[in-house]
């Protein structure tokens, strides 16, 4: 069970990283995509980061 949660933490962290990199690249390039999506991407990053931290906390509480 601990391995399952650890795997979920890794996946959530990678999703967070992907959203962060996409948002940073959008802001760096500017343009229409940045105007429409940058705030949405950063909000999505915060949500993904929260999910990763909650999963990490659960993984630390599970003792097997």
N, C-alpha and C. Protein backbone atom coordinates (compact mmCIF):
# COMPACT_ATOMS: atom_id res chain seq x y z
N UNK A 1 0.82 -1.19 0.00
CA UNK A 1 0.00 0.00 0.00
C UNK A 1 0.87 1.26 0.00
N UNK A 2 1.97 1.21 0.73
CA UNK A 2 2.85 2.37 0.77
C UNK A 2 3.47 2.62 -0.60
N UNK A 3 3.80 1.56 -1.32
CA UNK A 3 4.35 1.70 -2.67
C UNK A 3 3.32 2.34 -3.59
N UNK A 4 2.07 1.97 -3.42
CA UNK A 4 0.98 2.55 -4.22
C UNK A 4 0.90 4.06 -4.02
N UNK A 5 0.91 4.51 -2.75
CA UNK A 5 0.85 5.94 -2.48
C UNK A 5 2.11 6.65 -2.94
N UNK A 6 3.26 6.01 -2.81
CA UNK A 6 4.50 6.61 -3.28
C UNK A 6 4.46 6.81 -4.79
N UNK A 7 3.92 5.82 -5.50
CA UNK A 7 3.78 5.94 -6.95
C UNK A 7 2.83 7.08 -7.31
N UNK A 8 1.73 7.21 -6.57
CA UNK A 8 0.80 8.31 -6.81
C UNK A 8 1.46 9.67 -6.55
N UNK A 9 2.30 9.74 -5.52
CA UNK A 9 3.01 10.99 -5.22
C UNK A 9 3.93 11.35 -6.38
N UNK A 10 4.64 10.37 -6.91
CA UNK A 10 5.55 10.63 -8.04
C UNK A 10 4.76 11.12 -9.26
N UNK A 11 3.64 10.47 -9.54
CA UNK A 11 2.81 10.87 -10.68
C UNK A 11 2.28 12.29 -10.47
N UNK A 12 1.80 12.59 -9.28
CA UNK A 12 1.28 13.93 -8.99
C UNK A 12 2.38 14.98 -9.09
N UNK A 13 3.58 14.64 -8.64
CA UNK A 13 4.70 15.58 -8.74
C UNK A 13 5.07 15.83 -10.20
N UNK A 14 5.04 14.79 -11.02
CA UNK A 14 5.35 14.96 -12.44
C UNK A 14 4.28 15.79 -13.15
N UNK A 15 3.03 15.60 -12.77
CA UNK A 15 1.95 16.42 -13.34
C UNK A 15 2.15 17.88 -12.94
N UNK A 16 2.50 18.10 -11.67
CA UNK A 16 2.77 19.46 -11.21
C UNK A 16 3.91 20.08 -12.00
N UNK A 17 4.97 19.34 -12.21
CA UNK A 17 6.11 19.83 -12.97
C UNK A 17 5.72 20.16 -14.41
N UNK A 18 4.93 19.30 -15.03
CA UNK A 18 4.51 19.53 -16.41
C UNK A 18 3.67 20.80 -16.53
N UNK A 19 2.74 20.99 -15.60
CA UNK A 19 1.90 22.18 -15.63
C UNK A 19 2.74 23.43 -15.38
N UNK A 20 3.68 23.35 -14.44
CA UNK A 20 4.55 24.48 -14.14
C UNK A 20 5.39 24.88 -15.35
N UNK A 21 6.00 23.90 -15.98
CA UNK A 21 6.85 24.18 -17.15
C UNK A 21 6.00 24.76 -18.29
N UNK A 22 4.82 24.21 -18.50
CA UNK A 22 3.93 24.73 -19.54
C UNK A 22 3.56 26.18 -19.25
N UNK A 23 3.24 26.48 -18.00
CA UNK A 23 2.88 27.85 -17.63
C UNK A 23 4.04 28.81 -17.78
N UNK A 24 5.23 28.39 -17.37
CA UNK A 24 6.41 29.26 -17.50
C UNK A 24 6.74 29.52 -18.96
N UNK A 25 6.67 28.47 -19.79
CA UNK A 25 6.94 28.66 -21.22
C UNK A 25 5.90 29.57 -21.86
N UNK A 26 4.64 29.43 -21.45
CA UNK A 26 3.59 30.28 -22.00
C UNK A 26 3.85 31.74 -21.62
N UNK A 27 4.25 31.98 -20.38
CA UNK A 27 4.54 33.35 -19.95
C UNK A 27 5.77 33.91 -20.66
N UNK A 28 6.76 33.06 -20.90
CA UNK A 28 7.98 33.52 -21.56
C UNK A 28 7.70 33.89 -23.02
N UNK A 29 6.85 33.13 -23.68
CA UNK A 29 6.56 33.39 -25.09
C UNK A 29 5.58 34.54 -25.27
N UNK A 30 4.69 34.71 -24.28
CA UNK A 30 3.68 35.75 -24.40
C UNK A 30 2.64 35.36 -25.42
N UNK A 31 1.98 36.33 -25.99
CA UNK A 31 1.00 36.05 -27.03
C UNK A 31 -0.38 35.71 -26.52
N UNK A 32 -1.20 35.25 -27.43
CA UNK A 32 -2.60 34.96 -27.13
C UNK A 32 -2.77 33.80 -26.14
N UNK A 33 -1.98 32.75 -26.31
CA UNK A 33 -2.08 31.61 -25.38
C UNK A 33 -1.78 32.05 -23.96
N UNK A 34 -0.77 32.88 -23.77
CA UNK A 34 -0.42 33.38 -22.45
C UNK A 34 -1.58 34.18 -21.85
N UNK A 35 -2.16 35.06 -22.64
CA UNK A 35 -3.26 35.89 -22.12
C UNK A 35 -4.45 35.05 -21.69
N UNK A 36 -4.71 33.98 -22.44
CA UNK A 36 -5.89 33.17 -22.14
C UNK A 36 -5.64 32.10 -21.08
N UNK A 37 -4.43 31.55 -21.00
CA UNK A 37 -4.22 30.34 -20.21
C UNK A 37 -3.26 30.46 -19.02
N UNK A 38 -2.49 31.53 -18.89
CA UNK A 38 -1.45 31.55 -17.86
C UNK A 38 -2.02 31.48 -16.45
N UNK A 39 -3.07 32.25 -16.14
CA UNK A 39 -3.66 32.19 -14.81
C UNK A 39 -4.27 30.82 -14.53
N UNK A 40 -4.93 30.26 -15.53
CA UNK A 40 -5.54 28.93 -15.38
C UNK A 40 -4.47 27.87 -15.12
N UNK A 41 -3.35 27.95 -15.83
CA UNK A 41 -2.28 26.98 -15.63
C UNK A 41 -1.66 27.10 -14.23
N UNK A 42 -1.49 28.31 -13.74
CA UNK A 42 -0.90 28.48 -12.41
C UNK A 42 -1.87 28.01 -11.32
N UNK A 43 -3.17 28.22 -11.52
CA UNK A 43 -4.15 27.68 -10.57
C UNK A 43 -4.14 26.16 -10.58
N UNK A 44 -4.04 25.59 -11.78
CA UNK A 44 -3.97 24.14 -11.92
C UNK A 44 -2.71 23.60 -11.25
N UNK A 45 -1.61 24.34 -11.35
CA UNK A 45 -0.37 23.93 -10.68
C UNK A 45 -0.55 23.88 -9.17
N UNK A 46 -1.20 24.88 -8.61
CA UNK A 46 -1.42 24.93 -7.17
C UNK A 46 -2.28 23.74 -6.73
N UNK A 47 -3.31 23.42 -7.49
CA UNK A 47 -4.17 22.28 -7.17
C UNK A 47 -3.38 20.97 -7.25
N UNK A 48 -2.60 20.81 -8.31
CA UNK A 48 -1.80 19.58 -8.46
C UNK A 48 -0.77 19.47 -7.35
N UNK A 49 -0.18 20.58 -6.94
CA UNK A 49 0.79 20.57 -5.86
C UNK A 49 0.13 20.20 -4.54
N UNK A 50 -1.07 20.70 -4.31
CA UNK A 50 -1.82 20.35 -3.09
C UNK A 50 -2.13 18.85 -3.06
N UNK A 51 -2.55 18.32 -4.19
CA UNK A 51 -2.84 16.88 -4.27
C UNK A 51 -1.58 16.07 -3.98
N UNK A 52 -0.46 16.50 -4.53
CA UNK A 52 0.80 15.80 -4.31
C UNK A 52 1.19 15.83 -2.82
N UNK A 53 1.00 16.96 -2.18
CA UNK A 53 1.34 17.05 -0.75
C UNK A 53 0.42 16.21 0.12
N UNK A 54 -0.87 16.19 -0.22
CA UNK A 54 -1.81 15.37 0.54
C UNK A 54 -1.47 13.88 0.37
N UNK A 55 -1.18 13.48 -0.84
CA UNK A 55 -0.79 12.08 -1.09
C UNK A 55 0.50 11.74 -0.35
N UNK A 56 1.44 12.68 -0.33
CA UNK A 56 2.69 12.46 0.39
C UNK A 56 2.43 12.29 1.89
N UNK A 57 1.56 13.11 2.45
CA UNK A 57 1.22 12.99 3.87
C UNK A 57 0.56 11.65 4.17
N UNK A 58 -0.34 11.21 3.30
CA UNK A 58 -0.99 9.91 3.48
C UNK A 58 0.06 8.79 3.39
N UNK A 59 0.97 8.90 2.42
CA UNK A 59 2.01 7.87 2.26
C UNK A 59 2.88 7.79 3.50
N UNK A 60 3.15 8.92 4.14
CA UNK A 60 3.97 8.92 5.34
C UNK A 60 3.22 8.33 6.54
N UNK A 61 1.90 8.45 6.54
CA UNK A 61 1.11 7.90 7.64
C UNK A 61 0.90 6.40 7.53
N UNK A 62 0.92 5.89 6.31
CA UNK A 62 0.71 4.46 6.10
C UNK A 62 1.97 3.72 6.46
N UNK A 63 1.87 2.85 7.43
CA UNK A 63 3.02 2.06 7.86
C UNK A 63 2.79 0.59 7.52
N UNK A 64 3.62 0.08 6.63
CA UNK A 64 3.52 -1.34 6.29
C UNK A 64 4.86 -2.00 6.46
